[in-house]
Protein backbone atom coordinates (compact mmCIF):
# COMPACT_ATOMS: atom_id res chain seq x y z
CA UNK A 1 -31.35 0.20 -2.19
CA UNK A 2 -28.17 -0.56 -4.07
CA UNK A 3 -25.23 -2.52 -2.75
CA UNK A 4 -22.78 0.32 -3.50
CA UNK A 5 -22.04 0.53 0.25
CA UNK A 6 -20.02 -2.66 -0.19
CA UNK A 7 -17.62 -0.82 -2.49
CA UNK A 8 -16.79 1.96 -0.03
CA UNK A 9 -14.49 1.06 2.87
CA UNK A 10 -15.51 2.16 6.35
CA UNK A 11 -13.36 4.59 8.36
CA UNK A 12 -12.08 1.65 10.40
CA UNK A 13 -11.12 -0.24 7.24
CA UNK A 14 -9.40 2.84 5.83
CA UNK A 15 -7.31 3.27 8.98
CA UNK A 16 -6.33 -0.41 8.91
CA UNK A 17 -5.38 -0.30 5.23
CA UNK A 18 -3.35 2.87 5.49
CA UNK A 19 -1.59 1.40 8.52
CA UNK A 20 -0.77 -1.65 6.39
CA UNK A 21 0.55 0.64 3.64
CA UNK A 22 2.80 2.41 6.14
CA UNK A 23 4.05 -0.91 7.51
CA UNK A 24 4.63 -2.26 3.98
CA UNK A 25 6.65 0.82 3.04
CA UNK A 26 8.75 0.49 6.21
CA UNK A 27 9.32 -3.22 5.66
CA UNK A 28 10.38 -2.62 2.06
CA UNK A 29 12.65 0.25 3.13
CA UNK A 30 10.76 2.92 1.19
CA UNK A 31 11.41 6.49 2.35
CA UNK A 32 7.92 7.92 2.80
CA UNK A 33 9.05 11.50 2.18
CA UNK A 34 10.79 10.53 -1.05
CA UNK A 35 7.76 8.44 -2.06
CA UNK A 36 5.49 11.46 -1.70
CA UNK A 37 7.65 13.31 -4.24
CA UNK A 38 7.54 10.70 -7.00
CA UNK A 39 5.78 12.12 -10.07
CA UNK A 40 4.99 15.34 -8.23
CA UNK A 41 3.07 13.45 -5.54
CA UNK A 42 0.59 11.92 -7.97
CA UNK A 43 2.11 8.44 -7.75
CA UNK A 44 1.75 8.45 -3.96
CA UNK A 45 -1.89 9.52 -4.18
CA UNK A 46 -2.51 6.76 -6.70
CA UNK A 47 -0.80 4.25 -4.40
CA UNK A 48 -3.03 5.36 -1.51
CA UNK A 49 -6.12 4.88 -3.67
CA UNK A 50 -4.96 1.39 -4.69
CA UNK A 51 -4.45 0.49 -1.06
CA UNK A 52 -7.81 1.98 -0.07
CA UNK A 53 -9.67 -0.42 -2.37
CA UNK A 54 -7.33 -3.40 -2.12
CA UNK A 55 -9.01 -6.75 -1.63
CA UNK A 56 -5.92 -8.40 -0.11
CA UNK A 57 -5.95 -6.88 3.39
CA UNK A 58 -5.63 -10.19 5.24
CA UNK A 59 -2.92 -11.50 2.89
CA UNK A 60 -1.02 -8.23 3.37
CA UNK A 61 -1.24 -8.53 7.14
CA UNK A 62 0.12 -12.10 6.97
CA UNK A 63 2.89 -11.09 4.55
CA UNK A 64 4.04 -8.40 6.96
CA UNK A 65 4.82 -11.09 9.53
CA UNK A 66 7.52 -12.58 7.27
CA UNK A 67 10.91 -11.95 8.81
CA UNK A 68 12.91 -10.50 5.91
CA UNK A 69 11.16 -10.56 2.52
CA UNK A 70 13.28 -9.75 -0.53
CA UNK A 71 10.55 -8.07 -2.57
CA UNK A 72 6.95 -6.91 -2.40
CA UNK A 73 4.35 -9.63 -2.62
CA UNK A 74 2.82 -10.44 -6.00
CA UNK A 75 -0.70 -9.62 -4.78
CA UNK A 76 0.24 -6.04 -3.84
CA UNK A 77 -1.13 -3.45 -6.29
CA UNK A 78 1.65 -1.07 -5.19
CA UNK A 79 4.60 -3.43 -5.72
CA UNK A 80 5.81 -1.52 -8.80
CA UNK A 81 5.46 1.84 -7.02
CA UNK A 82 7.49 0.61 -4.05
CA UNK A 83 10.17 -0.72 -6.43
CA UNK A 84 10.26 2.64 -8.23
CA UNK A 85 10.79 4.40 -4.90
CA UNK A 86 13.64 2.04 -4.01
CA UNK A 87 15.25 2.44 -7.42
CA UNK A 88 15.16 6.22 -7.11
CA UNK A 89 17.45 6.14 -4.04
């Protein structure tokens, strides 16, 4: 039996990671409706996929406790996407 199961997040992990993505977007001030329209929606789908397989879930959770961060954390694979969404406003 292969260890490919380790690569696929469980439903519980998916829910936690998408919740973190929602919280990150809120904290950064990203309009979720506008974000879904970037690049015809493809950029948002790509961001969701990056979050789904992100290995920094615990660091993300800790970062979200920071009172007023000025920018997305360096470890976030969606930092550039969030900045693009903010620049489009």
